[in-house]
Amino acid sequence: MEIKTKKILIIDDDSRNIFALTAVLKAKKYTCLSATSAQQGFEILENDQNVAVVLMDMMMPDMDGYEAMKKMKSHELLKDIPVIAVTAQAMVGDRERCLQAGAVGYISKPVNVDELVEQLNNYIN
């Protein structure tokens, strides 16, 4: 399997989630970066033009995923980077709310790796 050169940025305030996602994605030959806050994620995105997709935790303390996506959409360099919402919220309407906020995809926790890879492959070549 060829190594994919485009990177995935995981933004999640829980380092255990970052560790788990990074481990399964690296096993599938993806290159991962991580940030524990939306602000840290923005700094990475502004400095690394090879991020193909962001996996965004929707429930973070300082700036939640909804606010972070809104900020990304208004930023000239970041507005076209696809965001897949990753959330423990799996109630009726949560998926639609994430998509309306600007996410291109939605994955609920615990993450179904096959479903995640299927969504990632839409944005990483």
PDB file of N, CA and C in Angstrom:
ATOM      1  N   MET A   1       0.853  -1.183   0.000  1.00  0.00           N
ATOM      2  CA  MET A   1       0.000   0.000   0.000  1.00  0.00           C
ATOM      3  C   MET A   1       0.891   1.236   0.000  1.00  0.00           C
ATOM      4  N   GLU A   2       0.567   2.186  -0.871  1.00  0.00           N
ATOM      5  CA  GLU A   2       1.396   3.387  -0.931  1.00  0.00           C
ATOM      6  C   GLU A   2       1.076   4.317   0.245  1.00  0.00           C
ATOM      7  N   ILE A   3       2.077   5.063   0.644  1.00  0.00           N
ATOM      8  CA  ILE A   3       1.895   6.001   1.752  1.00  0.00           C
ATOM      9  C   ILE A   3       1.249   7.266   1.208  1.00  0.00           C
ATOM     10  N   LYS A   4       0.217   7.706   1.881  1.00  0.00           N
ATOM     11  CA  LYS A   4      -0.499   8.897   1.453  1.00  0.00           C
ATOM     12  C   LYS A   4       0.263  10.120   1.961  1.00  0.00           C
ATOM     13  N   THR A   5       0.509  11.105   1.082  1.00  0.00           N
ATOM     14  CA  THR A   5       1.326  12.252   1.465  1.00  0.00           C
ATOM     15  C   THR A   5       0.509  13.356   2.123  1.00  0.00           C
ATOM     16  N   LYS A   6      -0.752  13.420   1.828  1.00  0.00           N
ATOM     17  CA  LYS A   6      -1.592  14.428   2.466  1.00  0.00           C
ATOM     18  C   LYS A   6      -1.820  14.061   3.921  1.00  0.00           C
ATOM     19  N   LYS A   7      -1.957  15.079   4.755  1.00  0.00           N
ATOM     20  CA  LYS A   7      -2.051  14.854   6.195  1.00  0.00           C
ATOM     21  C   LYS A   7      -3.473  15.039   6.705  1.00  0.00           C
ATOM     22  N   ILE A   8      -3.722  14.382   7.826  1.00  0.00           N
ATOM     23  CA  ILE A   8      -4.987  14.529   8.543  1.00  0.00           C
ATOM     24  C   ILE A   8      -4.665  15.251   9.845  1.00  0.00           C
ATOM     25  N   LEU A   9      -5.394  16.317  10.126  1.00  0.00           N
ATOM     26  CA  LEU A   9      -5.233  17.022  11.394  1.00  0.00           C
ATOM     27  C   LEU A   9      -6.372  16.611  12.315  1.00  0.00           C
ATOM     28  N   ILE A  10      -6.014  16.061  13.468  1.00  0.00           N
ATOM     29  CA  ILE A  10      -7.000  15.669  14.477  1.00  0.00           C
ATOM     30  C   ILE A  10      -7.030  16.756  15.541  1.00  0.00           C
ATOM     31  N   ILE A  11      -8.186  17.374  15.720  1.00  0.00           N
ATOM     32  CA  ILE A  11      -8.343  18.392  16.760  1.00  0.00           C
ATOM     33  C   ILE A  11      -9.307  17.841  17.800  1.00  0.00           C
ATOM     34  N   ASP A  12      -8.777  17.569  18.991  1.00  0.00           N
ATOM     35  CA  ASP A  12      -9.574  16.976  20.070  1.00  0.00           C
ATOM     36  C   ASP A  12      -8.924  17.352  21.394  1.00  0.00           C
ATOM     37  N   ASP A  13      -9.712  17.761  22.365  1.00  0.00           N
ATOM     38  CA  ASP A  13      -9.158  18.166  23.661  1.00  0.00           C
ATOM     39  C   ASP A  13      -8.772  16.973  24.533  1.00  0.00           C
ATOM     40  N   ASP A  14      -9.132  15.753  24.132  1.00  0.00           N
ATOM     41  CA  ASP A  14      -8.810  14.559  24.905  1.00  0.00           C
ATOM     42  C   ASP A  14      -7.665  13.805  24.220  1.00  0.00           C
ATOM     43  N   SER A  15      -6.513  13.789  24.861  1.00  0.00           N
ATOM     44  CA  SER A  15      -5.334  13.159  24.258  1.00  0.00           C
ATOM     45  C   SER A  15      -5.537  11.665  24.015  1.00  0.00           C
ATOM     46  N   ARG A  16      -6.418  11.019  24.772  1.00  0.00           N
ATOM     47  CA  ARG A  16      -6.690   9.596  24.544  1.00  0.00           C
ATOM     48  C   ARG A  16      -7.362   9.384  23.194  1.00  0.00           C
ATOM     49  N   ASN A  17      -8.265  10.290  22.837  1.00  0.00           N
ATOM     50  CA  ASN A  17      -8.915  10.197  21.526  1.00  0.00           C
ATOM     51  C   ASN A  17      -7.905  10.421  20.406  1.00  0.00           C
ATOM     52  N   ILE A  18      -7.018  11.412  20.592  1.00  0.00           N
ATOM     53  CA  ILE A  18      -5.980  11.672  19.594  1.00  0.00           C
ATOM     54  C   ILE A  18      -5.102  10.439  19.435  1.00  0.00           C
ATOM     55  N   PHE A  19      -4.688   9.860  20.553  1.00  0.00           N
ATOM     56  CA  PHE A  19      -3.819   8.685  20.517  1.00  0.00           C
ATOM     57  C   PHE A  19      -4.489   7.540  19.759  1.00  0.00           C
ATOM     58  N   ALA A  20      -5.748   7.263  20.074  1.00  0.00           N
ATOM     59  CA  ALA A  20      -6.466   6.145  19.446  1.00  0.00           C
ATOM     60  C   ALA A  20      -6.660   6.376  17.943  1.00  0.00           C
ATOM     61  N   LEU A  21      -7.097   7.575  17.574  1.00  0.00           N
ATOM     62  CA  LEU A  21      -7.303   7.873  16.151  1.00  0.00           C
ATOM     63  C   LEU A  21      -5.986   7.827  15.386  1.00  0.00           C
ATOM     64  N   THR A  22      -4.947   8.419  15.955  1.00  0.00           N
ATOM     65  CA  THR A  22      -3.638   8.421  15.293  1.00  0.00           C
ATOM     66  C   THR A  22      -3.135   7.000  15.088  1.00  0.00           C
ATOM     67  N   ALA A  23      -3.282   6.161  16.096  1.00  0.00           N
ATOM     68  CA  ALA A  23      -2.802   4.776  15.999  1.00  0.00           C
ATOM     69  C   ALA A  23      -3.491   4.029  14.861  1.00  0.00           C
ATOM     70  N   VAL A  24      -4.814   4.126  14.774  1.00  0.00           N
ATOM     71  CA  VAL A  24      -5.511   3.364  13.727  1.00  0.00           C
ATOM     72  C   VAL A  24      -5.252   3.960  12.346  1.00  0.00           C
ATOM     73  N   LEU A  25      -5.135   5.275  12.261  1.00  0.00           N
ATOM     74  CA  LEU A  25      -4.899   5.904  10.954  1.00  0.00           C
ATOM     75  C   LEU A  25      -3.470   5.667  10.475  1.00  0.00           C
ATOM     76  N   LYS A  26      -2.503   5.717  11.381  1.00  0.00           N
ATOM     77  CA  LYS A  26      -1.115   5.422  10.979  1.00  0.00           C
ATOM     78  C   LYS A  26      -0.993   3.979  10.517  1.00  0.00           C
ATOM     79  N   ALA A  27      -1.729   3.073  11.142  1.00  0.00           N
ATOM     80  CA  ALA A  27      -1.714   1.670  10.726  1.00  0.00           C
ATOM     81  C   ALA A  27      -2.248   1.528   9.306  1.00  0.00           C
ATOM     82  N   LYS A  28      -3.063   2.477   8.883  1.00  0.00           N
ATOM     83  CA  LYS A  28      -3.612   2.455   7.524  1.00  0.00           C
ATOM     84  C   LYS A  28      -2.825   3.379   6.596  1.00  0.00           C
ATOM     85  N   LYS A  29      -1.632   3.765   7.034  1.00  0.00           N
ATOM     86  CA  LYS A  29      -0.674   4.544   6.230  1.00  0.00           C
ATOM     87  C   LYS A  29      -1.054   6.009   6.024  1.00  0.00           C
ATOM     88  N   TYR A  30      -1.871   6.561   6.896  1.00  0.00           N
ATOM     89  CA  TYR A  30      -2.152   7.994   6.851  1.00  0.00           C
ATOM     90  C   TYR A  30      -1.124   8.727   7.699  1.00  0.00           C
ATOM     91  N   THR A  31      -0.851   9.967   7.353  1.00  0.00           N
ATOM     92  CA  THR A  31       0.022  10.818   8.150  1.00  0.00           C
ATOM     93  C   THR A  31      -0.873  11.733   8.980  1.00  0.00           C
ATOM     94  N   CYS A  32      -0.631  11.756  10.287  1.00  0.00           N
ATOM     95  CA  CYS A  32      -1.503  12.515  11.183  1.00  0.00           C
ATOM     96  C   CYS A  32      -0.744  13.602  11.936  1.00  0.00           C
ATOM     97  N   LEU A  33      -1.419  14.710  12.128  1.00  0.00           N
ATOM     98  CA  LEU A  33      -0.988  15.779  13.014  1.00  0.00           C
ATOM     99  C   LEU A  33      -2.079  15.901  14.062  1.00  0.00           C
ATOM    100  N   SER A  34      -1.769  16.521  15.199  1.00  0.00           N
ATOM    101  CA  SER A  34      -2.812  16.668  16.211  1.00  0.00           C
ATOM    102  C   SER A  34      -2.705  17.997  16.943  1.00  0.00           C
ATOM    103  N   ALA A  35      -3.846  18.422  17.452  1.00  0.00           N
ATOM    104  CA  ALA A  35      -3.949  19.638  18.255  1.00  0.00           C
ATOM    105  C   ALA A  35      -4.964  19.377  19.354  1.00  0.00           C
ATOM    106  N   THR A  36      -4.709  19.931  20.532  1.00  0.00           N
ATOM    107  CA  THR A  36      -5.622  19.721  21.660  1.00  0.00           C
ATOM    108  C   THR A  36      -6.585  20.892  21.852  1.00  0.00           C
ATOM    109  N   SER A  37      -6.550  21.859  20.931  1.00  0.00           N
ATOM    110  CA  SER A  37      -7.515  22.962  20.964  1.00  0.00           C
ATOM    111  C   SER A  37      -7.708  23.465  19.536  1.00  0.00           C
ATOM    112  N   ALA A  38      -8.816  24.141  19.312  1.00  0.00           N
ATOM    113  CA  ALA A  38      -9.074  24.693  17.982  1.00  0.00           C
ATOM    114  C   ALA A  38      -8.005  25.724  17.622  1.00  0.00           C
ATOM    115  N   GLN A  39      -7.606  26.546  18.578  1.00  0.00           N
ATOM    116  CA  GLN A  39      -6.604  27.572  18.308  1.00  0.00           C
ATOM    117  C   GLN A  39      -5.282  26.945  17.872  1.00  0.00           C
ATOM    118  N   GLN A  40      -4.872  25.896  18.565  1.00  0.00           N
ATOM    119  CA  GLN A  40      -3.644  25.192  18.187  1.00  0.00           C
ATOM    120  C   GLN A  40      -3.809  24.582  16.788  1.00  0.00           C
ATOM    121  N   GLY A  41      -4.989  24.086  16.493  1.00  0.00           N
ATOM    122  CA  GLY A  41      -5.273  23.541  15.166  1.00  0.00           C
ATOM    123  C   GLY A  41      -5.152  24.592  14.082  1.00  0.00           C
ATOM    124  N   PHE A  42      -5.654  25.812  14.348  1.00  0.00           N
ATOM    125  CA  PHE A  42      -5.547  26.897  13.361  1.00  0.00           C
ATOM    126  C   PHE A  42      -4.084  27.215  13.072  1.00  0.00           C
ATOM    127  N   GLU A  43      -3.262  27.227  14.113  1.00  0.00           N
ATOM    128  CA  GLU A  43      -1.831  27.515  13.925  1.00  0.00           C
ATOM    129  C   GLU A  43      -1.183  26.457  13.037  1.00  0.00           C
ATOM    130  N   ILE A  44      -1.520  25.203  13.259  1.00  0.00           N
ATOM    131  CA  ILE A  44      -0.977  24.132  12.415  1.00  0.00           C
ATOM    132  C   ILE A  44      -1.451  24.303  10.977  1.00  0.00           C
ATOM    133  N   LEU A  45      -2.732  24.571  10.791  1.00  0.00           N
ATOM    134  CA  LEU A  45      -3.287  24.721   9.445  1.00  0.00           C
ATOM    135  C   LEU A  45      -2.654  25.891   8.686  1.00  0.00           C
ATOM    136  N   GLU A  46      -2.375  26.970   9.386  1.00  0.00           N
ATOM    137  CA  GLU A  46      -1.794  28.140   8.730  1.00  0.00           C
ATOM    138  C   GLU A  46      -0.342  27.895   8.332  1.00  0.00           C
ATOM    139  N   ASN A  47       0.320  26.938   8.995  1.00  0.00           N
ATOM    140  CA  ASN A  47       1.734  26.691   8.739  1.00  0.00           C
ATOM    141  C   ASN A  47       2.009  25.426   7.935  1.00  0.00           C
ATOM    142  N   ASP A  48       0.999  24.637   7.657  1.00  0.00           N
ATOM    143  CA  ASP A  48       1.195  23.387   6.924  1.00  0.00           C
ATOM    144  C   ASP A  48       0.155  23.285   5.811  1.00  0.00           C
ATOM    145  N   GLN A  49       0.610  23.488   4.594  1.00  0.00           N
ATOM    146  CA  GLN A  49      -0.297  23.487   3.444  1.00  0.00           C
ATOM    147  C   GLN A  49      -0.663  22.076   2.974  1.00  0.00           C
ATOM    148  N   ASN A  50      -0.138  21.046   3.624  1.00  0.00           N
ATOM    149  CA  ASN A  50      -0.411  19.671   3.203  1.00  0.00           C
ATOM    150  C   ASN A  50      -1.500  18.978   4.010  1.00  0.00           C
ATOM    151  N   VAL A  51      -2.250  19.729   4.807  1.00  0.00           N
ATOM    152  CA  VAL A  51      -3.361  19.131   5.540  1.00  0.00           C
ATOM    153  C   VAL A  51      -4.540  19.009   4.575  1.00  0.00           C
ATOM    154  N   ALA A  52      -4.965  17.774   4.364  1.00  0.00           N
ATOM    155  CA  ALA A  52      -6.041  17.520   3.403  1.00  0.00           C
ATOM    156  C   ALA A  52      -7.415  17.551   4.053  1.00  0.00           C
ATOM    157  N   VAL A  53      -7.474  17.164   5.325  1.00  0.00           N
ATOM    158  CA  VAL A  53      -8.769  17.082   6.005  1.00  0.00           C
ATOM    159  C   VAL A  53      -8.548  17.221   7.516  1.00  0.00           C
ATOM    160  N   VAL A  54      -9.562  17.781   8.178  1.00  0.00           N
ATOM    161  CA  VAL A  54      -9.527  17.948   9.628  1.00  0.00           C
ATOM    162  C   VAL A  54     -10.591  17.049  10.246  1.00  0.00           C
ATOM    163  N   LEU A  55     -10.186  16.305  11.288  1.00  0.00           N
ATOM    164  CA  LEU A  55     -11.145  15.577  12.114  1.00  0.00           C
ATOM    165  C   LEU A  55     -11.370  16.440  13.346  1.00  0.00           C
ATOM    166  N   MET A  56     -12.546  17.002  13.476  1.00  0.00           N
ATOM    167  CA  MET A  56     -12.831  18.004  14.507  1.00  0.00           C
ATOM    168  C   MET A  56     -13.759  17.457  15.584  1.00  0.00           C
ATOM    169  N   ASP A  57     -13.240  17.423  16.813  1.00  0.00           N
ATOM    170  CA  ASP A  57     -14.092  17.101  17.958  1.00  0.00           C
ATOM    171  C   ASP A  57     -15.081  18.261  18.110  1.00  0.00           C
ATOM    172  N   MET A  58     -16.332  17.956  18.326  1.00  0.00           N
ATOM    173  CA  MET A  58     -17.335  19.014  18.388  1.00  0.00           C
ATOM    174  C   MET A  58     -17.506  19.591  19.792  1.00  0.00           C
ATOM    175  N   MET A  59     -17.081  18.855  20.805  1.00  0.00           N
ATOM    176  CA  MET A  59     -17.288  19.312  22.183  1.00  0.00           C
ATOM    177  C   MET A  59     -15.944  19.577  22.862  1.00  0.00           C
ATOM    178  N   MET A  60     -15.428  20.794  22.687  1.00  0.00           N
ATOM    179  CA  MET A  60     -14.182  21.199  23.336  1.00  0.00           C
ATOM    180  C   MET A  60     -14.468  22.405  24.218  1.00  0.00           C
ATOM    181  N   PRO A  61     -13.694  22.588  25.277  1.00  0.00           N
ATOM    182  CA  PRO A  61     -14.011  23.631  26.257  1.00  0.00           C
ATOM    183  C   PRO A  61     -13.838  25.074  25.779  1.00  0.00           C
ATOM    184  N   ASP A  62     -12.709  25.435  25.187  1.00  0.00           N
ATOM    185  CA  ASP A  62     -12.475  26.843  24.855  1.00  0.00           C
ATOM    186  C   ASP A  62     -13.257  27.302  23.628  1.00  0.00           C
ATOM    187  N   MET A  63     -13.177  26.518  22.574  1.00  0.00           N
ATOM    188  CA  MET A  63     -13.902  26.814  21.339  1.00  0.00           C
ATOM    189  C   MET A  63     -14.409  25.485  20.812  1.00  0.00           C
ATOM    190  N   ASP A  64     -15.726  25.318  20.759  1.00  0.00           N
ATOM    191  CA  ASP A  64     -16.249  24.037  20.285  1.00  0.00           C
ATOM    192  C   ASP A  64     -16.107  23.921  18.771  1.00  0.00           C
ATOM    193  N   GLY A  65     -16.382  22.740  18.261  1.00  0.00           N
ATOM    194  CA  GLY A  65     -16.215  22.482  16.843  1.00  0.00           C
ATOM    195  C   GLY A  65     -17.089  23.343  15.949  1.00  0.00           C
ATOM    196  N   TYR A  66     -18.276  23.687  16.429  1.00  0.00           N
ATOM    197  CA  TYR A  66     -19.174  24.530  15.631  1.00  0.00           C
ATOM    198  C   TYR A  66     -18.558  25.914  15.434  1.00  0.00           C
ATOM    199  N   GLU A  67     -18.062  26.477  16.519  1.00  0.00           N
ATOM    200  CA  GLU A  67     -17.431  27.796  16.458  1.00  0.00           C
ATOM    201  C   GLU A  67     -16.140  27.731  15.626  1.00  0.00           C
ATOM    202  N   ALA A  68     -15.381  26.655  15.795  1.00  0.00           N
ATOM    203  CA  ALA A  68     -14.132  26.496  15.053  1.00  0.00           C
ATOM    204  C   ALA A  68     -14.393  26.387  13.551  1.00  0.00           C
ATOM    205  N   MET A  69     -15.423  25.633  13.156  1.00  0.00           N
ATOM    206  CA  MET A  69     -15.750  25.511  11.729  1.00  0.00           C
ATOM    207  C   MET A  69     -16.186  26.853  11.164  1.00  0.00           C
ATOM    208  N   LYS A  70     -16.957  27.605  11.939  1.00  0.00           N
ATOM    209  CA  LYS A  70     -17.395  28.931  11.491  1.00  0.00           C
ATOM    210  C   LYS A  70     -16.177  29.831  11.262  1.00  0.00           C
ATOM    211  N   LYS A  71     -15.221  29.769  12.176  1.00  0.00           N
ATOM    212  CA  LYS A  71     -14.006  30.573  12.051  1.00  0.00           C
ATOM    213  C   LYS A  71     -13.189  30.128  10.833  1.00  0.00           C
ATOM    214  N   MET A  72     -13.097  28.823  10.617  1.00  0.00           N
ATOM    215  CA  MET A  72     -12.365  28.319   9.446  1.00  0.00           C
ATOM    216  C   MET A  72     -13.002  28.798   8.150  1.00  0.00           C
ATOM    217  N   LYS A  73     -14.326  28.755   8.086  1.00  0.00           N
ATOM    218  CA  LYS A  73     -15.033  29.136   6.852  1.00  0.00           C
ATOM    219  C   LYS A  73     -14.847  30.618   6.518  1.00  0.00           C
ATOM    220  N   SER A  74     -14.546  31.433   7.516  1.00  0.00           N
ATOM    221  CA  SER A  74     -14.360  32.861   7.268  1.00  0.00           C
ATOM    222  C   SER A  74     -12.883  33.226   7.053  1.00  0.00           C
ATOM    223  N   HIS A  75     -12.000  32.242   7.107  1.00  0.00           N
ATOM    224  CA  HIS A  75     -10.557  32.465   6.947  1.00  0.00           C
ATOM    225  C   HIS A  75     -10.149  32.081   5.529  1.00  0.00           C
ATOM    226  N   GLU A  76      -9.517  32.995   4.817  1.00  0.00           N
ATOM    227  CA  GLU A  76      -9.179  32.789   3.405  1.00  0.00           C
ATOM    228  C   GLU A  76      -8.358  31.518   3.168  1.00  0.00           C
ATOM    229  N   LEU A  77      -7.367  31.226   4.012  1.00  0.00           N
ATOM    230  CA  LEU A  77      -6.507  30.062   3.804  1.00  0.00           C
ATOM    231  C   LEU A  77      -7.151  28.745   4.250  1.00  0.00           C
ATOM    232  N   LEU A  78      -8.122  28.830   5.133  1.00  0.00           N
ATOM    233  CA  LEU A  78      -8.670  27.612   5.743  1.00  0.00           C
ATOM    234  C   LEU A  78     -10.051  27.221   5.229  1.00  0.00           C
ATOM    235  N   LYS A  79     -10.717  28.106   4.523  1.00  0.00           N
ATOM    236  CA  LYS A  79     -12.133  27.898   4.190  1.00  0.00           C
ATOM    237  C   LYS A  79     -12.414  26.681   3.313  1.00  0.00           C
ATOM    238  N   ASP A  80     -11.421  26.247   2.540  1.00  0.00           N
ATOM    239  CA  ASP A  80     -11.658  25.122   1.630  1.00  0.00           C
ATOM    240  C   ASP A  80     -11.188  23.773   2.176  1.00  0.00           C
ATOM    241  N   ILE A  81     -10.659  23.766   3.398  1.00  0.00           N
ATOM    242  CA  ILE A  81     -10.198  22.501   3.991  1.00  0.00           C
ATOM    243  C   ILE A  81     -11.413  21.754   4.547  1.00  0.00           C
ATOM    244  N   PRO A  82     -11.660  20.538   4.076  1.00  0.00           N
ATOM    245  CA  PRO A  82     -12.827  19.791   4.560  1.00  0.00           C
ATOM    246  C   PRO A  82     -12.682  19.375   6.024  1.00  0.00           C
ATOM    247  N   VAL A  83     -13.796  19.443   6.736  1.00  0.00           N
ATOM    248  CA  VAL A  83     -13.838  19.066   8.148  1.00  0.00           C
ATOM    249  C   VAL A  83     -14.830  17.925   8.322  1.00  0.00           C
ATOM    250  N   ILE A  84     -14.373  16.863   8.988  1.00  0.00           N
ATOM    251  CA  ILE A  84     -15.267  15.767   9.369  1.00  0.00           C
ATOM    252  C   ILE A  84     -15.496  15.903  10.871  1.00  0.00           C
ATOM    253  N   ALA A  85     -16.746  16.058  11.258  1.00  0.00           N
ATOM    254  CA  ALA A  85     -17.097  16.192  12.670  1.00  0.00           C
ATOM    255  C   ALA A  85     -16.980  14.838  13.350  1.00  0.00           C
ATOM    256  N   VAL A  86     -16.310  14.834  14.504  1.00  0.00           N
ATOM    257  CA  VAL A  86     -16.165  13.613  15.301  1.00  0.00           C
ATOM    258  C   VAL A  86     -16.746  13.927  16.672  1.00  0.00           C
ATOM    259  N   THR A  87     -17.806  13.221  17.042  1.00  0.00           N
ATOM    260  CA  THR A  87     -18.481  13.601  18.279  1.00  0.00           C
ATOM    261  C   THR A  87     -19.093  12.417  19.012  1.00  0.00           C
ATOM    262  N   ALA A  88     -19.160  12.564  20.309  1.00  0.00           N
ATOM    263  CA  ALA A  88     -19.839  11.567  21.131  1.00  0.00           C
ATOM    264  C   ALA A  88     -21.345  11.798  21.098  1.00  0.00           C
ATOM    265  N   GLN A  89     -21.746  12.968  20.609  1.00  0.00           N
ATOM    266  CA  GLN A  89     -23.172  13.269  20.501  1.00  0.00           C
ATOM    267  C   GLN A  89     -23.747  12.528  19.302  1.00  0.00           C
ATOM    268  N   ALA A  90     -24.597  11.599  19.561  1.00  0.00           N
ATOM    269  CA  ALA A  90     -25.192  10.828  18.480  1.00  0.00           C
ATOM    270  C   ALA A  90     -26.720  10.855  18.599  1.00  0.00           C
ATOM    271  N   MET A  91     -27.225  11.990  19.013  1.00  0.00           N
ATOM    272  CA  MET A  91     -28.671  12.154  19.162  1.00  0.00           C
ATOM    273  C   MET A  91     -29.281  12.521  17.808  1.00  0.00           C
ATOM    274  N   VAL A  92     -30.576  12.372  17.709  1.00  0.00           N
ATOM    275  CA  VAL A  92     -31.283  12.750  16.493  1.00  0.00           C
ATOM    276  C   VAL A  92     -31.031  14.239  16.237  1.00  0.00           C
ATOM    277  N   GLY A  93     -30.608  14.548  15.025  1.00  0.00           N
ATOM    278  CA  GLY A  93     -30.377  15.937  14.647  1.00  0.00           C
ATOM    279  C   GLY A  93     -28.930  16.390  14.778  1.00  0.00           C
ATOM    280  N   ASP A  94     -28.089  15.659  15.514  1.00  0.00           N
ATOM    281  CA  ASP A  94     -26.695  16.078  15.689  1.00  0.00           C
ATOM    282  C   ASP A  94     -25.922  16.033  14.372  1.00  0.00           C
ATOM    283  N   ARG A  95     -26.133  14.973  13.598  1.00  0.00           N
ATOM    284  CA  ARG A  95     -25.448  14.859  12.304  1.00  0.00           C
ATOM    285  C   ARG A  95     -25.815  16.042  11.411  1.00  0.00           C
ATOM    286  N   GLU A  96     -27.101  16.339  11.340  1.00  0.00           N
ATOM    287  CA  GLU A  96     -27.568  17.442  10.501  1.00  0.00           C
ATOM    288  C   GLU A  96     -27.008  18.778  10.985  1.00  0.00           C
ATOM    289  N   ARG A  97     -26.956  18.952  12.309  1.00  0.00           N
ATOM    290  CA  ARG A  97     -26.424  20.198  12.872  1.00  0.00           C
ATOM    291  C   ARG A  97     -24.949  20.380  12.479  1.00  0.00           C
ATOM    292  N   CYS A  98     -24.175  19.298  12.541  1.00  0.00           N
ATOM    293  CA  CYS A  98     -22.760  19.355  12.159  1.00  0.00           C
ATOM    294  C   CYS A  98     -22.605  19.693  10.673  1.00  0.00           C
ATOM    295  N   LEU A  99     -23.404  19.055   9.839  1.00  0.00           N
ATOM    296  CA  LEU A  99     -23.324  19.301   8.402  1.00  0.00           C
ATOM    297  C   LEU A  99     -23.759  20.727   8.064  1.00  0.00           C
ATOM    298  N   GLN A 100     -24.784  21.222   8.741  1.00  0.00           N
ATOM    299  CA  GLN A 100     -25.227  22.601   8.520  1.00  0.00           C
ATOM    300  C   GLN A 100     -24.163  23.601   8.953  1.00  0.00           C
ATOM    301  N   ALA A 101     -23.355  23.234   9.955  1.00  0.00           N
ATOM    302  CA  ALA A 101     -22.301  24.112  10.455  1.00  0.00           C
ATOM    303  C   ALA A 101     -21.093  24.137   9.517  1.00  0.00           C
ATOM    304  N   GLY A 102     -21.076  23.244   8.532  1.00  0.00           N
ATOM    305  CA  GLY A 102     -19.995  23.270   7.558  1.00  0.00           C
ATOM    306  C   GLY A 102     -19.180  22.002   7.444  1.00  0.00           C
ATOM    307  N   ALA A 103     -19.480  20.997   8.245  1.00  0.00           N
ATOM    308  CA  ALA A 103     -18.747  19.735   8.137  1.00  0.00           C
ATOM    309  C   ALA A 103     -19.125  19.024   6.839  1.00  0.00           C
ATOM    310  N   VAL A 104     -18.152  18.312   6.269  1.00  0.00           N
ATOM    311  CA  VAL A 104     -18.427  17.532   5.059  1.00  0.00           C
ATOM    312  C   VAL A 104     -18.803  16.096   5.401  1.00  0.00           C
ATOM    313  N   GLY A 105     -18.585  15.728   6.661  1.00  0.00           N
ATOM    314  CA  GLY A 105     -18.894  14.381   7.110  1.00  0.00           C
ATOM    315  C   GLY A 105     -19.094  14.366   8.607  1.00  0.00           C
ATOM    316  N   TYR A 106     -19.562  13.230   9.107  1.00  0.00           N
ATOM    317  CA  TYR A 106     -19.904  13.101  10.529  1.00  0.00           C
ATOM    318  C   TYR A 106     -19.593  11.679  10.968  1.00  0.00           C
ATOM    319  N   ILE A 107     -18.854  11.561  12.061  1.00  0.00           N
ATOM    320  CA  ILE A 107     -18.539  10.260  12.651  1.00  0.00           C
ATOM    321  C   ILE A 107     -18.847  10.343  14.136  1.00  0.00           C
ATOM    322  N   SER A 108     -19.587   9.367  14.653  1.00  0.00           N
ATOM    323  CA  SER A 108     -19.860   9.372  16.091  1.00  0.00           C
ATOM    324  C   SER A 108     -18.847   8.474  16.805  1.00  0.00           C
ATOM    325  N   LYS A 109     -18.590   8.825  18.060  1.00  0.00           N
ATOM    326  CA  LYS A 109     -17.704   8.025  18.914  1.00  0.00           C
ATOM    327  C   LYS A 109     -18.543   6.961  19.601  1.00  0.00           C
ATOM    328  N   PRO A 110     -18.027   5.763  19.809  1.00  0.00           N
ATOM    329  CA  PRO A 110     -16.716   5.309  19.364  1.00  0.00           C
ATOM    330  C   PRO A 110     -16.661   5.218  17.840  1.00  0.00           C
ATOM    331  N   VAL A 111     -15.517   5.570  17.294  1.00  0.00           N
ATOM    332  CA  VAL A 111     -15.355   5.707  15.854  1.00  0.00           C
ATOM    333  C   VAL A 111     -15.339   4.344  15.172  1.00  0.00           C
ATOM    334  N   ASN A 112     -16.146   4.229  14.122  1.00  0.00           N
ATOM    335  CA  ASN A 112     -16.120   3.073  13.242  1.00  0.00           C
ATOM    336  C   ASN A 112     -15.017   3.355  12.221  1.00  0.00           C
ATOM    337  N   VAL A 113     -13.889   2.652  12.345  1.00  0.00           N
ATOM    338  CA  VAL A 113     -12.705   2.944  11.540  1.00  0.00           C
ATOM    339  C   VAL A 113     -12.991   2.790  10.047  1.00  0.00           C
ATOM    340  N   ASP A 114     -13.709   1.762   9.658  1.00  0.00           N
ATOM    341  CA  ASP A 114     -14.011   1.560   8.231  1.00  0.00           C
ATOM    342  C   ASP A 114     -14.815   2.725   7.669  1.00  0.00           C
ATOM    343  N   GLU A 115     -15.791   3.199   8.437  1.00  0.00           N
ATOM    344  CA  GLU A 115     -16.599   4.335   8.011  1.00  0.00           C
ATOM    345  C   GLU A 115     -15.739   5.601   7.915  1.00  0.00           C
ATOM    346  N   LEU A 116     -14.840   5.791   8.883  1.00  0.00           N
ATOM    347  CA  LEU A 116     -13.953   6.953   8.867  1.00  0.00           C
ATOM    348  C   LEU A 116     -13.038   6.920   7.651  1.00  0.00           C
ATOM    349  N   VAL A 117     -12.429   5.778   7.382  1.00  0.00           N
ATOM    350  CA  VAL A 117     -11.525   5.653   6.235  1.00  0.00           C
ATOM    351  C   VAL A 117     -12.278   5.910   4.930  1.00  0.00           C
ATOM    352  N   GLU A 118     -13.496   5.416   4.846  1.00  0.00           N
ATOM    353  CA  GLU A 118     -14.311   5.648   3.646  1.00  0.00           C
ATOM    354  C   GLU A 118     -14.521   7.146   3.431  1.00  0.00           C
ATOM    355  N   GLN A 119     -14.825   7.888   4.522  1.00  0.00           N
ATOM    356  CA  GLN A 119     -15.019   9.332   4.393  1.00  0.00           C
ATOM    357  C   GLN A 119     -13.696  10.036   4.063  1.00  0.00           C
ATOM    358  N   LEU A 120     -12.609   9.632   4.717  1.00  0.00           N
ATOM    359  CA  LEU A 120     -11.311  10.261   4.465  1.00  0.00           C
ATOM    360  C   LEU A 120     -10.876  10.098   3.023  1.00  0.00           C
ATOM    361  N   ASN A 121     -11.137   8.937   2.454  1.00  0.00           N
ATOM    362  CA  ASN A 121     -10.702   8.675   1.083  1.00  0.00           C
ATOM    363  C   ASN A 121     -11.393   9.558   0.054  1.00  0.00           C
ATOM    364  N   ASN A 122     -12.476  10.211   0.434  1.00  0.00           N
ATOM    365  CA  ASN A 122     -13.113  11.184  -0.455  1.00  0.00           C
ATOM    366  C   ASN A 122     -12.274  12.440  -0.605  1.00  0.00           C
ATOM    367  N   TYR A 123     -11.346  12.671   0.350  1.00  0.00           N
ATOM    368  CA  TYR A 123     -10.591  13.934   0.386  1.00  0.00           C
ATOM    369  C   TYR A 123      -9.089  13.748   0.305  1.00  0.00           C
ATOM    370  N   ILE A 124      -8.616  12.519   0.406  1.00  0.00           N
ATOM    371  CA  ILE A 124      -7.179  12.249   0.359  1.00  0.00           C
ATOM    372  C   ILE A 124      -6.912  11.312  -0.804  1.00  0.00           C
ATOM    373  N   ASN A 125      -5.968  11.717  -1.647  1.00  0.00           N
ATOM    374  CA  ASN A 125      -5.651  10.866  -2.798  1.00  0.00           C
ATOM    375  C   ASN A 125      -4.236  10.362  -2.716  1.00  0.00           C
TER     376      ASN A 125
END
